[in-house]
Every structure is written in structure tokens, then in C-alpha cells.
Amino acid sequence: MKKIITLFAVVVGLFAFSSCEGPEGPPGFDGQDGLIAQVIDVNNVNFALNGDGEVIDFGFTLYPGDVVLAYRATGVANGSTVWTQIPESHYYDDGTLFFTYKFNFSRVDFELYLDGFDLNTVPTDLRTNQKFRIVIVPGEDPEISNKLVNKKDYTDYNAVISKYNIDDSNVKTINL
């Protein structure tokens, strides 16, 4: 009889504890919902005669699957800034490479720089007081995001803003 009562007590105890709930945890992310893209303008970028540029902190840490895109202001059309995706190459008249605007990034910062030949001959108006726009597109899974980067066309800034529903009216500005 003791064994039956002990067994009954164990079964009741397991049933009682298995239905307990703790406090509700914080809400999680459902796909892209809740993830916010960041847009950062970087003004007054000056490149050294050797092509060295600027390393700039994001001010936050990227998630592993986030994609960073960079654009350079190349003019104005119909009252709007024209953004050209980096890398952006410039060529001599004979078609050989002169220099390229480039960037790289880590989870905490990004770097803008020039790469090419005879960088000390890059005209001042292409080397000083440049304006760049950095767009961080939220990602989830690094393996999936990395595959998507290679298959999508990010050259058209306005198409990227539209596709990812990015509000670029509230841009973080960094003045160097």
C-alpha cells in the first residue's frame, strides 16, 4: 500500500509541476518584423594622398546577418541627391583603372578609403569633402543573408530603400 501511495504522490507531483508557468519573457523577433534598418550620413570625408580614409564607429553592434551598403553622393537630380553604390571605380581615358572608392565593415565600425594607382593625383574635388550614406539592412541568419547579398542588386539606392521599407527621412549624421 505504501508503494501505491508513493507512486500516486510522484505522479501527482509530476503533473502539478509540469503545468507551472513562470513570468512571460520579452517579445522576440518574428522574421523581419521589429528589425529596424539604420541609415547613416557621413559628411566631410577627406582621403589622404595615399588613399587612407576614415574608420567610423557605428555606435552599436551589428547582428551577424546584417548587410551593410555604402553609397557616395555624386550629384543632384530633380532636387534629390544622386547616390552611387560603392565600390565606385574611376578610369583613365584609355580605360585603365585610376582609383576606386571602397569600404569595409566589422560588427562595430566601417572604413571608407581609396584604392588604385597614383592616388596622390586624384583631383581634390574627388578626394575631399565627400558625402557618403551607409545603409544597414537587417538580416537574420548569416548563411542565408550572405547568399542573398550575392544574388540581389543593391546599386539603385531608391530601390533598396523601397524594398526594405527603410525610412530615410530620419538619418543619423556624422560630421568629420
C-alpha atoms as a PDB file:
ATOM      1  CA  MET A   1       0.000   0.000   0.000  1.00  0.00           C
ATOM      2  CA  LYS A   2       2.897   2.362   0.802  1.00  0.00           C
ATOM      3  CA  LYS A   3       4.295   1.813  -2.671  1.00  0.00           C
ATOM      4  CA  ILE A   4       1.000   2.690  -4.336  1.00  0.00           C
ATOM      5  CA  ILE A   5       0.624   5.878  -2.265  1.00  0.00           C
ATOM      6  CA  THR A   6       4.242   6.850  -3.014  1.00  0.00           C
ATOM      7  CA  LEU A   7       3.732   6.187  -6.731  1.00  0.00           C
ATOM      8  CA  PHE A   8       0.474   8.158  -6.693  1.00  0.00           C
ATOM      9  CA  ALA A   9       2.221  11.085  -4.932  1.00  0.00           C
ATOM     10  CA  VAL A  10       5.035  11.076  -7.520  1.00  0.00           C
ATOM     11  CA  VAL A  11       2.557  11.078 -10.443  1.00  0.00           C
ATOM     12  CA  VAL A  12       0.511  13.911  -8.879  1.00  0.00           C
ATOM     13  CA  GLY A  13       3.698  15.856  -8.173  1.00  0.00           C
ATOM     14  CA  LEU A  14       4.956  15.468 -11.773  1.00  0.00           C
ATOM     15  CA  PHE A  15       1.578  16.528 -13.148  1.00  0.00           C
ATOM     16  CA  ALA A  16       1.397  19.569 -10.845  1.00  0.00           C
ATOM     17  CA  PHE A  17       4.929  20.790 -11.621  1.00  0.00           C
ATOM     18  CA  SER A  18       4.716  20.186 -15.370  1.00  0.00           C
ATOM     19  CA  SER A  19       1.872  22.691 -15.719  1.00  0.00           C
ATOM     20  CA  CYS A  20       3.612  25.524 -13.862  1.00  0.00           C
ATOM     21  CA  GLU A  21       4.421  28.730 -15.722  1.00  0.00           C
ATOM     22  CA  GLY A  22       6.933  31.419 -14.953  1.00  0.00           C
ATOM     23  CA  PRO A  23       6.756  35.085 -15.845  1.00  0.00           C
ATOM     24  CA  GLU A  24       6.368  35.896 -19.530  1.00  0.00           C
ATOM     25  CA  GLY A  25       9.669  36.618 -21.277  1.00  0.00           C
ATOM     26  CA  PRO A  26      10.447  39.546 -23.571  1.00  0.00           C
ATOM     27  CA  PRO A  27       8.900  39.511 -27.034  1.00  0.00           C
ATOM     28  CA  GLY A  28      11.089  38.003 -29.735  1.00  0.00           C
ATOM     29  CA  PHE A  29      11.537  38.838 -33.403  1.00  0.00           C
ATOM     30  CA  ASP A  30       9.188  37.321 -35.953  1.00  0.00           C
ATOM     31  CA  GLY A  31      11.147  37.300 -39.208  1.00  0.00           C
ATOM     32  CA  GLN A  32      11.977  40.881 -40.240  1.00  0.00           C
ATOM     33  CA  ASP A  33       9.245  42.379 -38.027  1.00  0.00           C
ATOM     34  CA  GLY A  34      10.718  44.617 -35.358  1.00  0.00           C
ATOM     35  CA  LEU A  35      14.132  44.868 -37.015  1.00  0.00           C
ATOM     36  CA  ILE A  36      14.950  48.431 -37.947  1.00  0.00           C
ATOM     37  CA  ALA A  37      17.287  49.427 -40.727  1.00  0.00           C
ATOM     38  CA  GLN A  38      19.797  52.150 -39.923  1.00  0.00           C
ATOM     39  CA  VAL A  39      20.789  54.929 -42.306  1.00  0.00           C
ATOM     40  CA  ILE A  40      23.895  56.997 -41.557  1.00  0.00           C
ATOM     41  CA  ASP A  41      25.175  60.016 -43.478  1.00  0.00           C
ATOM     42  CA  VAL A  42      28.891  60.686 -43.213  1.00  0.00           C
ATOM     43  CA  ASN A  43      29.808  64.230 -44.252  1.00  0.00           C
ATOM     44  CA  ASN A  44      33.152  65.891 -44.957  1.00  0.00           C
ATOM     45  CA  VAL A  45      35.120  62.714 -45.654  1.00  0.00           C
ATOM     46  CA  ASN A  46      38.660  63.552 -46.763  1.00  0.00           C
ATOM     47  CA  PHE A  47      41.027  60.985 -48.212  1.00  0.00           C
ATOM     48  CA  ALA A  48      44.779  61.261 -47.687  1.00  0.00           C
ATOM     49  CA  LEU A  49      47.088  61.412 -50.689  1.00  0.00           C
ATOM     50  CA  ASN A  50      47.829  57.707 -50.173  1.00  0.00           C
ATOM     51  CA  GLY A  51      44.109  56.822 -50.183  1.00  0.00           C
ATOM     52  CA  ASP A  52      43.688  56.400 -46.447  1.00  0.00           C
ATOM     53  CA  GLY A  53      40.229  57.441 -45.338  1.00  0.00           C
ATOM     54  CA  GLU A  54      38.208  57.188 -42.163  1.00  0.00           C
ATOM     55  CA  VAL A  55      37.302  54.402 -39.735  1.00  0.00           C
ATOM     56  CA  ILE A  56      33.969  55.256 -38.114  1.00  0.00           C
ATOM     57  CA  ASP A  57      32.184  53.534 -35.223  1.00  0.00           C
ATOM     58  CA  PHE A  58      28.543  52.604 -35.789  1.00  0.00           C
ATOM     59  CA  GLY A  59      27.762  53.420 -32.159  1.00  0.00           C
ATOM     60  CA  PHE A  60      26.093  49.993 -31.818  1.00  0.00           C
ATOM     61  CA  THR A  61      26.897  46.377 -32.693  1.00  0.00           C
ATOM     62  CA  LEU A  62      25.552  44.771 -35.857  1.00  0.00           C
ATOM     63  CA  TYR A  63      23.821  41.402 -35.753  1.00  0.00           C
ATOM     64  CA  PRO A  64      25.743  38.641 -37.567  1.00  0.00           C
ATOM     65  CA  GLY A  65      23.385  38.559 -40.585  1.00  0.00           C
ATOM     66  CA  ASP A  66      23.144  42.311 -41.162  1.00  0.00           C
ATOM     67  CA  VAL A  67      24.192  43.633 -44.571  1.00  0.00           C
ATOM     68  CA  VAL A  68      25.987  46.985 -44.873  1.00  0.00           C
ATOM     69  CA  LEU A  69      25.717  49.009 -48.086  1.00  0.00           C
ATOM     70  CA  ALA A  70      27.610  52.210 -48.881  1.00  0.00           C
ATOM     71  CA  TYR A  71      26.757  54.974 -51.367  1.00  0.00           C
ATOM     72  CA  ARG A  72      28.536  58.198 -52.366  1.00  0.00           C
ATOM     73  CA  ALA A  73      26.698  61.423 -53.178  1.00  0.00           C
ATOM     74  CA  THR A  74      27.562  62.065 -56.828  1.00  0.00           C
ATOM     75  CA  GLY A  75      25.212  64.905 -57.708  1.00  0.00           C
ATOM     76  CA  VAL A  76      21.668  66.246 -57.572  1.00  0.00           C
ATOM     77  CA  ALA A  77      18.799  65.446 -59.962  1.00  0.00           C
ATOM     78  CA  ASN A  78      15.303  66.916 -59.666  1.00  0.00           C
ATOM     79  CA  GLY A  79      16.162  68.277 -56.227  1.00  0.00           C
ATOM     80  CA  SER A  80      17.238  64.888 -54.825  1.00  0.00           C
ATOM     81  CA  THR A  81      20.719  63.603 -54.066  1.00  0.00           C
ATOM     82  CA  VAL A  82      22.040  61.024 -56.530  1.00  0.00           C
ATOM     83  CA  TRP A  83      23.632  58.105 -54.669  1.00  0.00           C
ATOM     84  CA  THR A  84      26.145  55.802 -56.381  1.00  0.00           C
ATOM     85  CA  GLN A  85      26.929  52.470 -54.736  1.00  0.00           C
ATOM     86  CA  ILE A  86      30.469  51.774 -53.611  1.00  0.00           C
ATOM     87  CA  PRO A  87      32.719  50.324 -54.859  1.00  0.00           C
ATOM     88  CA  GLU A  88      32.736  53.066 -57.469  1.00  0.00           C
ATOM     89  CA  SER A  89      35.621  52.975 -59.940  1.00  0.00           C
ATOM     90  CA  HIS A  90      37.117  55.817 -61.989  1.00  0.00           C
ATOM     91  CA  TYR A  91      39.176  55.153 -65.120  1.00  0.00           C
ATOM     92  CA  TYR A  92      41.777  56.919 -67.225  1.00  0.00           C
ATOM     93  CA  ASP A  93      40.790  57.895 -70.776  1.00  0.00           C
ATOM     94  CA  ASP A  94      42.488  54.755 -72.095  1.00  0.00           C
ATOM     95  CA  GLY A  95      40.211  52.568 -69.935  1.00  0.00           C
ATOM     96  CA  THR A  96      42.732  51.543 -67.277  1.00  0.00           C
ATOM     97  CA  LEU A  97      41.777  51.822 -63.628  1.00  0.00           C
ATOM     98  CA  PHE A  98      42.662  55.104 -61.905  1.00  0.00           C
ATOM     99  CA  PHE A  99      41.076  54.643 -58.467  1.00  0.00           C
ATOM    100  CA  THR A 100      38.085  53.168 -56.648  1.00  0.00           C
ATOM    101  CA  TYR A 101      36.081  54.352 -53.636  1.00  0.00           C
ATOM    102  CA  LYS A 102      35.860  51.333 -51.329  1.00  0.00           C
ATOM    103  CA  PHE A 103      34.604  50.398 -47.886  1.00  0.00           C
ATOM    104  CA  ASN A 104      34.725  47.530 -45.445  1.00  0.00           C
ATOM    105  CA  PHE A 105      32.962  46.882 -42.161  1.00  0.00           C
ATOM    106  CA  SER A 106      33.023  44.870 -38.985  1.00  0.00           C
ATOM    107  CA  ARG A 107      30.225  44.443 -36.467  1.00  0.00           C
ATOM    108  CA  VAL A 108      31.222  47.706 -34.717  1.00  0.00           C
ATOM    109  CA  ASP A 109      32.692  50.021 -37.370  1.00  0.00           C
ATOM    110  CA  PHE A 110      33.231  50.703 -41.050  1.00  0.00           C
ATOM    111  CA  GLU A 111      36.041  52.174 -43.140  1.00  0.00           C
ATOM    112  CA  LEU A 112      35.881  54.368 -46.243  1.00  0.00           C
ATOM    113  CA  TYR A 113      39.060  54.531 -48.358  1.00  0.00           C
ATOM    114  CA  LEU A 114      40.503  54.867 -51.868  1.00  0.00           C
ATOM    115  CA  ASP A 115      42.244  52.078 -53.736  1.00  0.00           C
ATOM    116  CA  GLY A 116      44.120  52.408 -57.013  1.00  0.00           C
ATOM    117  CA  PHE A 117      47.155  53.855 -58.739  1.00  0.00           C
ATOM    118  CA  ASP A 118      48.800  57.262 -58.362  1.00  0.00           C
ATOM    119  CA  LEU A 119      46.334  58.211 -55.624  1.00  0.00           C
ATOM    120  CA  ASN A 120      48.270  61.419 -54.985  1.00  0.00           C
ATOM    121  CA  THR A 121      46.983  62.617 -58.395  1.00  0.00           C
ATOM    122  CA  VAL A 122      43.269  62.146 -57.578  1.00  0.00           C
ATOM    123  CA  PRO A 123      41.683  65.586 -58.070  1.00  0.00           C
ATOM    124  CA  THR A 124      40.899  67.470 -54.871  1.00  0.00           C
ATOM    125  CA  ASP A 125      37.162  67.643 -55.640  1.00  0.00           C
ATOM    126  CA  LEU A 126      37.043  63.800 -55.701  1.00  0.00           C
ATOM    127  CA  ARG A 127      39.246  63.386 -52.614  1.00  0.00           C
ATOM    128  CA  THR A 128      37.924  65.990 -50.147  1.00  0.00           C
ATOM    129  CA  ASN A 129      34.561  66.941 -48.619  1.00  0.00           C
ATOM    130  CA  GLN A 130      32.882  63.762 -49.851  1.00  0.00           C
ATOM    131  CA  LYS A 131      29.469  62.654 -48.550  1.00  0.00           C
ATOM    132  CA  PHE A 132      28.564  59.006 -48.036  1.00  0.00           C
ATOM    133  CA  ARG A 133      25.401  57.223 -46.959  1.00  0.00           C
ATOM    134  CA  ILE A 134      25.665  53.933 -45.093  1.00  0.00           C
ATOM    135  CA  VAL A 135      22.593  51.677 -45.093  1.00  0.00           C
ATOM    136  CA  ILE A 136      22.356  48.732 -42.705  1.00  0.00           C
ATOM    137  CA  VAL A 137      19.818  46.169 -43.868  1.00  0.00           C
ATOM    138  CA  PRO A 138      18.787  43.877 -41.009  1.00  0.00           C
ATOM    139  CA  GLY A 139      19.401  40.189 -41.502  1.00  0.00           C
ATOM    140  CA  GLU A 140      18.551  37.061 -39.564  1.00  0.00           C
ATOM    141  CA  ASP A 141      20.660  34.050 -40.427  1.00  0.00           C
ATOM    142  CA  PRO A 142      24.220  34.835 -41.603  1.00  0.00           C
ATOM    143  CA  GLU A 143      24.295  31.891 -44.009  1.00  0.00           C
ATOM    144  CA  ILE A 144      21.034  32.959 -45.664  1.00  0.00           C
ATOM    145  CA  SER A 145      21.929  36.678 -45.646  1.00  0.00           C
ATOM    146  CA  ASN A 146      25.357  36.035 -47.176  1.00  0.00           C
ATOM    147  CA  LYS A 147      23.773  34.053 -50.007  1.00  0.00           C
ATOM    148  CA  LEU A 148      21.231  36.837 -50.604  1.00  0.00           C
ATOM    149  CA  VAL A 149      23.927  39.513 -50.833  1.00  0.00           C
ATOM    150  CA  ASN A 150      25.379  37.814 -53.883  1.00  0.00           C
ATOM    151  CA  LYS A 151      22.010  37.484 -55.637  1.00  0.00           C
ATOM    152  CA  LYS A 152      20.476  40.934 -55.167  1.00  0.00           C
ATOM    153  CA  ASP A 153      21.133  44.184 -56.958  1.00  0.00           C
ATOM    154  CA  TYR A 154      21.771  46.960 -54.459  1.00  0.00           C
ATOM    155  CA  THR A 155      23.060  49.541 -56.948  1.00  0.00           C
ATOM    156  CA  ASP A 156      19.844  51.598 -57.004  1.00  0.00           C
ATOM    157  CA  TYR A 157      19.647  53.370 -53.627  1.00  0.00           C
ATOM    158  CA  ASN A 158      15.949  54.271 -54.011  1.00  0.00           C
ATOM    159  CA  ALA A 159      15.028  50.677 -54.921  1.00  0.00           C
ATOM    160  CA  VAL A 160      16.829  49.404 -51.779  1.00  0.00           C
ATOM    161  CA  ILE A 161      15.030  51.943 -49.588  1.00  0.00           C
ATOM    162  CA  SER A 162      11.699  50.930 -51.099  1.00  0.00           C
ATOM    163  CA  LYS A 163      12.287  47.156 -50.985  1.00  0.00           C
ATOM    164  CA  TYR A 164      13.235  47.129 -47.294  1.00  0.00           C
ATOM    165  CA  ASN A 165      10.735  49.846 -46.248  1.00  0.00           C
ATOM    166  CA  ILE A 166      13.564  51.990 -44.894  1.00  0.00           C
ATOM    167  CA  ASP A 167      12.602  55.430 -43.611  1.00  0.00           C
ATOM    168  CA  ASP A 168      15.488  57.606 -44.775  1.00  0.00           C
ATOM    169  CA  SER A 169      13.872  60.822 -43.555  1.00  0.00           C
ATOM    170  CA  ASN A 170      15.412  60.365 -40.095  1.00  0.00           C
ATOM    171  CA  VAL A 171      19.081  59.806 -40.907  1.00  0.00           C
ATOM    172  CA  LYS A 172      21.830  59.709 -38.301  1.00  0.00           C
ATOM    173  CA  THR A 173      24.523  62.220 -39.359  1.00  0.00           C
ATOM    174  CA  ILE A 174      28.249  62.044 -38.641  1.00  0.00           C
ATOM    175  CA  ASN A 175      30.293  65.133 -39.495  1.00  0.00           C
ATOM    176  CA  LEU A 176      34.032  64.543 -39.703  1.00  0.00           C
END
